[in-house]
Amino acid sequence: MTRIRSLVLFAGLLVLAGCGGGRPPAATGAMPAEAEGATAQEIDSLYRLSEGYVRRGKWGDAIEHLERVLLEFSPGDSRIPQARYFLGEAKFAIGSHLEAAREFRRVSDETPNDRLAPEALLRVGDVYTDLWRRPELD
């Protein structure tokens, strides 16, 4: 019985020793690198590049660049509605109907006074019309 107790006690000490009862790691003085946003020129360049992809019908590249540029825009940037509209068009072109409708709705919901808001609502209707024609959804 004492042998079992000593084994249990020894196992408990091993468990406690493995729980990190040691000292914290020494600080090396190096700070983790902070993520930096793109400069204004880089954002402009990225936006122009994404516009070009949309105009040429390179939907995959357009989606990739538009999603990136939307992350880089500062809140209230006047190009956000146009970028979202382009993203909706690209998603619609590749057949991602629900994502396209979501992007078009965001244009009209988040910027109702923008010149693209009425057209974006019309495109939502186009997306749902295209979905409705698919008999497997009935």
N, C-alpha and C. Protein backbone atom coordinates (compact mmCIF):
# COMPACT_ATOMS: atom_id res chain seq x y z
N MET A 1 0.81 -1.18 0.00
CA MET A 1 0.00 0.00 0.00
C MET A 1 0.86 1.25 0.00
N THR A 2 1.92 1.27 0.74
CA THR A 2 2.81 2.43 0.77
C THR A 2 3.51 2.60 -0.56
N ARG A 3 3.77 1.49 -1.25
CA ARG A 3 4.41 1.55 -2.56
C ARG A 3 3.46 2.24 -3.56
N ILE A 4 2.18 1.94 -3.47
CA ILE A 4 1.20 2.55 -4.37
C ILE A 4 1.10 4.05 -4.08
N ARG A 5 1.10 4.42 -2.79
CA ARG A 5 1.05 5.82 -2.42
C ARG A 5 2.26 6.57 -2.93
N SER A 6 3.41 5.98 -2.80
CA SER A 6 4.62 6.66 -3.26
C SER A 6 4.62 6.80 -4.79
N LEU A 7 4.08 5.81 -5.51
CA LEU A 7 3.98 5.92 -6.97
C LEU A 7 2.99 7.03 -7.37
N VAL A 8 1.87 7.11 -6.66
CA VAL A 8 0.88 8.14 -6.95
C VAL A 8 1.47 9.51 -6.64
N LEU A 9 2.18 9.64 -5.53
CA LEU A 9 2.82 10.90 -5.16
C LEU A 9 3.87 11.30 -6.19
N PHE A 10 4.66 10.34 -6.63
CA PHE A 10 5.69 10.59 -7.63
C PHE A 10 5.05 11.03 -8.96
N ALA A 11 3.97 10.37 -9.37
CA ALA A 11 3.27 10.73 -10.60
C ALA A 11 2.69 12.13 -10.49
N GLY A 12 2.15 12.47 -9.33
CA GLY A 12 1.61 13.82 -9.11
C GLY A 12 2.69 14.87 -9.21
N LEU A 13 3.88 14.59 -8.65
CA LEU A 13 4.99 15.54 -8.74
C LEU A 13 5.44 15.73 -10.18
N LEU A 14 5.45 14.65 -10.94
CA LEU A 14 5.82 14.75 -12.36
C LEU A 14 4.83 15.61 -13.13
N VAL A 15 3.56 15.43 -12.82
CA VAL A 15 2.53 16.23 -13.49
C VAL A 15 2.70 17.70 -13.15
N LEU A 16 2.91 18.01 -11.87
CA LEU A 16 3.10 19.40 -11.45
C LEU A 16 4.35 20.00 -12.07
N ALA A 17 5.40 19.24 -12.17
CA ALA A 17 6.64 19.75 -12.76
C ALA A 17 6.45 20.04 -14.24
N GLY A 18 5.62 19.28 -14.91
CA GLY A 18 5.39 19.48 -16.34
C GLY A 18 4.41 20.60 -16.63
N CYS A 19 3.78 21.17 -15.62
CA CYS A 19 2.79 22.24 -15.84
C CYS A 19 3.43 23.60 -15.98
N GLY A 20 4.71 23.67 -16.11
CA GLY A 20 5.35 24.95 -16.35
C GLY A 20 5.63 25.75 -15.10
N GLY A 21 5.97 25.13 -14.06
CA GLY A 21 6.25 25.83 -12.82
C GLY A 21 7.56 26.58 -12.86
N GLY A 22 8.18 26.66 -13.99
CA GLY A 22 9.46 27.35 -14.11
C GLY A 22 9.29 28.84 -14.31
N ARG A 23 10.41 29.50 -14.62
CA ARG A 23 10.41 30.94 -14.85
C ARG A 23 9.85 31.27 -16.22
N PRO A 24 9.31 32.49 -16.36
CA PRO A 24 8.87 32.90 -17.69
C PRO A 24 10.08 33.11 -18.59
N PRO A 25 9.90 32.95 -19.89
CA PRO A 25 11.04 33.12 -20.79
C PRO A 25 11.56 34.55 -20.73
N ALA A 26 12.86 34.67 -20.88
CA ALA A 26 13.49 35.98 -20.80
C ALA A 26 13.11 36.80 -22.03
N ALA A 27 12.86 38.07 -21.81
CA ALA A 27 12.50 38.96 -22.91
C ALA A 27 13.74 39.22 -23.75
N THR A 28 13.58 39.14 -25.05
CA THR A 28 14.72 39.33 -25.95
C THR A 28 14.86 40.79 -26.36
N GLY A 29 13.86 41.60 -26.04
CA GLY A 29 13.93 43.00 -26.42
C GLY A 29 13.37 43.25 -27.81
N ALA A 30 13.12 42.21 -28.57
CA ALA A 30 12.59 42.38 -29.91
C ALA A 30 11.07 42.47 -29.85
N MET A 31 10.54 43.48 -30.45
CA MET A 31 9.09 43.65 -30.50
C MET A 31 8.57 42.96 -31.75
N PRO A 32 7.38 42.35 -31.68
CA PRO A 32 6.83 41.75 -32.89
C PRO A 32 6.55 42.82 -33.93
N ALA A 33 6.77 42.47 -35.16
CA ALA A 33 6.54 43.43 -36.24
C ALA A 33 5.05 43.70 -36.38
N GLU A 34 4.69 44.98 -36.44
CA GLU A 34 3.29 45.34 -36.62
C GLU A 34 2.96 45.34 -38.09
N ALA A 35 1.76 44.93 -38.38
CA ALA A 35 1.32 44.94 -39.77
C ALA A 35 1.07 46.39 -40.19
N GLU A 36 1.64 46.75 -41.29
CA GLU A 36 1.46 48.10 -41.78
C GLU A 36 0.52 48.08 -42.97
N GLY A 37 -0.32 49.08 -43.05
CA GLY A 37 -1.22 49.19 -44.18
C GLY A 37 -0.48 49.73 -45.39
N ALA A 38 -1.15 49.65 -46.51
CA ALA A 38 -0.58 50.14 -47.75
C ALA A 38 -0.59 51.66 -47.76
N THR A 39 0.32 52.24 -48.50
CA THR A 39 0.35 53.69 -48.65
C THR A 39 -0.79 54.12 -49.57
N ALA A 40 -1.06 55.42 -49.60
CA ALA A 40 -2.12 55.94 -50.46
C ALA A 40 -1.84 55.63 -51.93
N GLN A 41 -0.59 55.72 -52.33
CA GLN A 41 -0.23 55.42 -53.72
C GLN A 41 -0.43 53.95 -54.04
N GLU A 42 -0.10 53.08 -53.10
CA GLU A 42 -0.29 51.65 -53.32
C GLU A 42 -1.78 51.31 -53.41
N ILE A 43 -2.60 51.96 -52.59
CA ILE A 43 -4.04 51.73 -52.63
C ILE A 43 -4.61 52.20 -53.97
N ASP A 44 -4.18 53.39 -54.42
CA ASP A 44 -4.63 53.89 -55.72
C ASP A 44 -4.24 52.95 -56.85
N SER A 45 -3.01 52.47 -56.80
CA SER A 45 -2.52 51.55 -57.83
C SER A 45 -3.31 50.24 -57.81
N LEU A 46 -3.55 49.72 -56.64
CA LEU A 46 -4.30 48.48 -56.49
C LEU A 46 -5.73 48.64 -56.99
N TYR A 47 -6.33 49.79 -56.71
CA TYR A 47 -7.69 50.05 -57.17
C TYR A 47 -7.74 50.14 -58.69
N ARG A 48 -6.81 50.87 -59.29
CA ARG A 48 -6.77 50.96 -60.75
C ARG A 48 -6.54 49.60 -61.38
N LEU A 49 -5.69 48.80 -60.78
CA LEU A 49 -5.43 47.46 -61.29
C LEU A 49 -6.70 46.61 -61.23
N SER A 50 -7.42 46.69 -60.13
CA SER A 50 -8.66 45.90 -59.99
C SER A 50 -9.72 46.38 -60.97
N GLU A 51 -9.79 47.69 -61.22
CA GLU A 51 -10.72 48.21 -62.23
C GLU A 51 -10.40 47.63 -63.61
N GLY A 52 -9.13 47.56 -63.92
CA GLY A 52 -8.71 47.00 -65.20
C GLY A 52 -9.11 45.55 -65.33
N TYR A 53 -8.96 44.78 -64.27
CA TYR A 53 -9.37 43.37 -64.31
C TYR A 53 -10.87 43.25 -64.54
N VAL A 54 -11.65 44.11 -63.91
CA VAL A 54 -13.10 44.07 -64.10
C VAL A 54 -13.44 44.38 -65.56
N ARG A 55 -12.84 45.42 -66.08
CA ARG A 55 -13.14 45.84 -67.45
C ARG A 55 -12.72 44.80 -68.48
N ARG A 56 -11.68 44.03 -68.19
CA ARG A 56 -11.23 42.98 -69.11
C ARG A 56 -11.91 41.64 -68.86
N GLY A 57 -12.74 41.56 -67.81
CA GLY A 57 -13.45 40.32 -67.53
C GLY A 57 -12.60 39.26 -66.86
N LYS A 58 -11.53 39.65 -66.23
CA LYS A 58 -10.69 38.70 -65.49
C LYS A 58 -11.21 38.65 -64.05
N TRP A 59 -12.27 37.88 -63.90
CA TRP A 59 -13.06 37.92 -62.66
C TRP A 59 -12.30 37.43 -61.45
N GLY A 60 -11.55 36.36 -61.56
CA GLY A 60 -10.81 35.85 -60.41
C GLY A 60 -9.80 36.86 -59.89
N ASP A 61 -9.04 37.46 -60.82
CA ASP A 61 -8.08 38.49 -60.41
C ASP A 61 -8.79 39.71 -59.85
N ALA A 62 -9.91 40.07 -60.45
CA ALA A 62 -10.67 41.23 -59.98
C ALA A 62 -11.14 41.01 -58.55
N ILE A 63 -11.68 39.84 -58.28
CA ILE A 63 -12.18 39.55 -56.93
C ILE A 63 -11.05 39.62 -55.92
N GLU A 64 -9.94 39.01 -56.24
CA GLU A 64 -8.79 39.00 -55.33
C GLU A 64 -8.33 40.42 -55.01
N HIS A 65 -8.19 41.25 -56.03
CA HIS A 65 -7.69 42.61 -55.82
C HIS A 65 -8.73 43.52 -55.19
N LEU A 66 -9.99 43.35 -55.55
CA LEU A 66 -11.04 44.18 -54.94
C LEU A 66 -11.19 43.87 -53.45
N GLU A 67 -11.13 42.60 -53.09
CA GLU A 67 -11.24 42.25 -51.67
C GLU A 67 -10.08 42.86 -50.88
N ARG A 68 -8.89 42.84 -51.48
CA ARG A 68 -7.73 43.43 -50.82
C ARG A 68 -7.88 44.94 -50.68
N VAL A 69 -8.28 45.60 -51.78
CA VAL A 69 -8.38 47.06 -51.74
C VAL A 69 -9.49 47.51 -50.79
N LEU A 70 -10.55 46.74 -50.67
CA LEU A 70 -11.61 47.09 -49.72
C LEU A 70 -11.12 47.01 -48.27
N LEU A 71 -10.17 46.14 -48.03
CA LEU A 71 -9.58 46.07 -46.69
C LEU A 71 -8.66 47.26 -46.43
N GLU A 72 -8.06 47.78 -47.48
CA GLU A 72 -7.10 48.87 -47.34
C GLU A 72 -7.74 50.25 -47.31
N PHE A 73 -8.92 50.41 -47.91
CA PHE A 73 -9.57 51.72 -47.92
C PHE A 73 -9.84 52.18 -46.49
N SER A 74 -9.67 53.46 -46.26
CA SER A 74 -10.05 54.00 -44.96
C SER A 74 -11.57 54.17 -44.95
N PRO A 75 -12.18 54.10 -43.78
CA PRO A 75 -13.64 54.25 -43.71
C PRO A 75 -14.07 55.59 -44.31
N GLY A 76 -15.13 55.56 -45.10
CA GLY A 76 -15.63 56.76 -45.72
C GLY A 76 -15.00 57.10 -47.06
N ASP A 77 -14.08 56.27 -47.53
CA ASP A 77 -13.46 56.51 -48.84
C ASP A 77 -14.56 56.52 -49.91
N SER A 78 -14.51 57.48 -50.79
CA SER A 78 -15.57 57.63 -51.79
C SER A 78 -15.55 56.53 -52.85
N ARG A 79 -14.49 55.75 -52.91
CA ARG A 79 -14.39 54.67 -53.89
C ARG A 79 -14.98 53.35 -53.40
N ILE A 80 -15.37 53.27 -52.15
CA ILE A 80 -15.89 52.02 -51.59
C ILE A 80 -17.15 51.54 -52.32
N PRO A 81 -18.14 52.41 -52.56
CA PRO A 81 -19.33 51.91 -53.27
C PRO A 81 -19.01 51.34 -54.66
N GLN A 82 -18.13 52.02 -55.40
CA GLN A 82 -17.76 51.54 -56.73
C GLN A 82 -17.03 50.21 -56.63
N ALA A 83 -16.12 50.07 -55.67
CA ALA A 83 -15.38 48.81 -55.49
C ALA A 83 -16.34 47.68 -55.11
N ARG A 84 -17.29 47.94 -54.23
CA ARG A 84 -18.27 46.92 -53.86
C ARG A 84 -19.13 46.54 -55.05
N TYR A 85 -19.52 47.54 -55.85
CA TYR A 85 -20.32 47.27 -57.04
C TYR A 85 -19.54 46.39 -58.01
N PHE A 86 -18.28 46.72 -58.24
CA PHE A 86 -17.44 45.90 -59.11
C PHE A 86 -17.30 44.48 -58.55
N LEU A 87 -17.14 44.37 -57.23
CA LEU A 87 -17.03 43.05 -56.61
C LEU A 87 -18.32 42.26 -56.81
N GLY A 88 -19.46 42.92 -56.70
CA GLY A 88 -20.73 42.26 -56.97
C GLY A 88 -20.81 41.77 -58.41
N GLU A 89 -20.38 42.61 -59.35
CA GLU A 89 -20.38 42.21 -60.76
C GLU A 89 -19.48 40.99 -60.99
N ALA A 90 -18.31 41.01 -60.39
CA ALA A 90 -17.38 39.89 -60.56
C ALA A 90 -17.94 38.61 -59.95
N LYS A 91 -18.53 38.71 -58.77
CA LYS A 91 -19.12 37.52 -58.14
C LYS A 91 -20.29 36.99 -58.96
N PHE A 92 -21.08 37.89 -59.53
CA PHE A 92 -22.20 37.50 -60.37
C PHE A 92 -21.68 36.79 -61.62
N ALA A 93 -20.61 37.31 -62.19
CA ALA A 93 -20.05 36.73 -63.42
C ALA A 93 -19.53 35.31 -63.21
N ILE A 94 -19.02 35.01 -62.02
CA ILE A 94 -18.50 33.65 -61.79
C ILE A 94 -19.56 32.72 -61.22
N GLY A 95 -20.78 33.24 -61.04
CA GLY A 95 -21.86 32.38 -60.58
C GLY A 95 -22.07 32.34 -59.09
N SER A 96 -21.41 33.21 -58.35
CA SER A 96 -21.62 33.28 -56.89
C SER A 96 -22.76 34.26 -56.63
N HIS A 97 -23.96 33.80 -56.92
CA HIS A 97 -25.13 34.68 -56.91
C HIS A 97 -25.41 35.31 -55.55
N LEU A 98 -25.38 34.52 -54.51
CA LEU A 98 -25.72 35.06 -53.20
C LEU A 98 -24.67 36.05 -52.71
N GLU A 99 -23.41 35.78 -53.00
CA GLU A 99 -22.36 36.73 -52.62
C GLU A 99 -22.49 38.01 -53.44
N ALA A 100 -22.86 37.88 -54.72
CA ALA A 100 -23.06 39.06 -55.56
C ALA A 100 -24.20 39.90 -55.02
N ALA A 101 -25.31 39.26 -54.68
CA ALA A 101 -26.45 39.99 -54.13
C ALA A 101 -26.06 40.70 -52.84
N ARG A 102 -25.27 40.05 -52.02
CA ARG A 102 -24.83 40.66 -50.76
C ARG A 102 -24.00 41.91 -51.03
N GLU A 103 -23.09 41.86 -52.00
CA GLU A 103 -22.27 43.03 -52.32
C GLU A 103 -23.11 44.17 -52.88
N PHE A 104 -24.04 43.85 -53.78
CA PHE A 104 -24.91 44.89 -54.33
C PHE A 104 -25.76 45.53 -53.24
N ARG A 105 -26.28 44.70 -52.32
CA ARG A 105 -27.08 45.24 -51.22
C ARG A 105 -26.25 46.13 -50.31
N ARG A 106 -25.01 45.77 -50.11
CA ARG A 106 -24.15 46.61 -49.27
C ARG A 106 -23.96 47.99 -49.87
N VAL A 107 -23.88 48.05 -51.20
CA VAL A 107 -23.75 49.36 -51.86
C VAL A 107 -24.96 50.21 -51.52
N SER A 108 -26.15 49.64 -51.69
CA SER A 108 -27.37 50.44 -51.45
C SER A 108 -27.65 50.66 -49.97
N ASP A 109 -27.32 49.70 -49.13
CA ASP A 109 -27.61 49.83 -47.70
C ASP A 109 -26.63 50.76 -46.99
N GLU A 110 -25.34 50.63 -47.31
CA GLU A 110 -24.32 51.40 -46.59
C GLU A 110 -24.15 52.81 -47.15
N THR A 111 -24.47 53.00 -48.44
CA THR A 111 -24.34 54.33 -49.05
C THR A 111 -25.59 54.62 -49.87
N PRO A 112 -26.74 54.82 -49.21
CA PRO A 112 -27.99 54.99 -49.95
C PRO A 112 -28.04 56.26 -50.81
N ASN A 113 -27.20 57.24 -50.53
CA ASN A 113 -27.20 58.47 -51.30
C ASN A 113 -26.19 58.46 -52.44
N ASP A 114 -25.45 57.37 -52.58
CA ASP A 114 -24.48 57.28 -53.66
C ASP A 114 -25.20 57.09 -55.00
N ARG A 115 -24.58 57.56 -56.07
CA ARG A 115 -25.20 57.45 -57.40
C ARG A 115 -25.38 56.00 -57.83
N LEU A 116 -24.62 55.07 -57.24
CA LEU A 116 -24.72 53.65 -57.61
C LEU A 116 -25.79 52.89 -56.83
N ALA A 117 -26.34 53.48 -55.79
CA ALA A 117 -27.30 52.76 -54.94
C ALA A 117 -28.51 52.25 -55.71
N PRO A 118 -29.17 53.05 -56.55
CA PRO A 118 -30.32 52.52 -57.29
C PRO A 118 -29.93 51.43 -58.28
N GLU A 119 -28.80 51.62 -58.94
CA GLU A 119 -28.35 50.61 -59.90
C GLU A 119 -27.98 49.31 -59.19
N ALA A 120 -27.41 49.42 -57.99
CA ALA A 120 -27.05 48.23 -57.23
C ALA A 120 -28.31 47.45 -56.85
N LEU A 121 -29.38 48.16 -56.48
CA LEU A 121 -30.64 47.47 -56.18
C LEU A 121 -31.20 46.77 -57.41
N LEU A 122 -31.05 47.40 -58.56
CA LEU A 122 -31.49 46.78 -59.81
C LEU A 122 -30.69 45.50 -60.08
N ARG A 123 -29.39 45.54 -59.79
CA ARG A 123 -28.55 44.36 -60.00
C ARG A 123 -28.90 43.24 -59.02
N VAL A 124 -29.35 43.59 -57.81
CA VAL A 124 -29.83 42.56 -56.88
C VAL A 124 -31.00 41.83 -57.50
N GLY A 125 -31.90 42.60 -58.12
CA GLY A 125 -33.03 41.99 -58.82
C GLY A 125 -32.59 41.10 -59.95
N ASP A 126 -31.55 41.51 -60.68
CA ASP A 126 -31.02 40.68 -61.76
C ASP A 126 -30.45 39.36 -61.23
N VAL A 127 -29.76 39.45 -60.10
CA VAL A 127 -29.19 38.24 -59.49
C VAL A 127 -30.30 37.28 -59.10
N TYR A 128 -31.33 37.79 -58.42
CA TYR A 128 -32.41 36.92 -57.98
C TYR A 128 -33.22 36.39 -59.16
N THR A 129 -33.34 37.17 -60.22
CA THR A 129 -34.01 36.69 -61.43
C THR A 129 -33.24 35.52 -62.03
N ASP A 130 -31.93 35.65 -62.07
CA ASP A 130 -31.10 34.57 -62.60
C ASP A 130 -31.22 33.33 -61.73
N LEU A 131 -31.28 33.49 -60.43
CA LEU A 131 -31.45 32.35 -59.53
C LEU A 131 -32.82 31.69 -59.72
N TRP A 132 -33.83 32.50 -59.93
CA TRP A 132 -35.18 31.99 -60.03
C TRP A 132 -35.35 31.11 -61.26
N ARG A 133 -34.59 31.35 -62.30
CA ARG A 133 -34.69 30.57 -63.53
C ARG A 133 -34.13 29.17 -63.37
N ARG A 134 -33.49 28.91 -62.27
CA ARG A 134 -32.91 27.60 -62.06
C ARG A 134 -33.97 26.70 -61.41
N PRO A 135 -34.50 25.71 -62.13
CA PRO A 135 -35.60 24.90 -61.59
C PRO A 135 -35.23 24.11 -60.34
N GLU A 136 -33.95 23.80 -60.14
CA GLU A 136 -33.60 23.02 -58.95
C GLU A 136 -33.79 23.83 -57.68
N LEU A 137 -33.97 25.14 -57.79
CA LEU A 137 -34.19 25.97 -56.60
C LEU A 137 -35.67 26.10 -56.26
N ASP A 138 -36.57 25.64 -57.15
CA ASP A 138 -38.02 25.72 -56.88
C ASP A 138 -38.44 24.67 -55.88
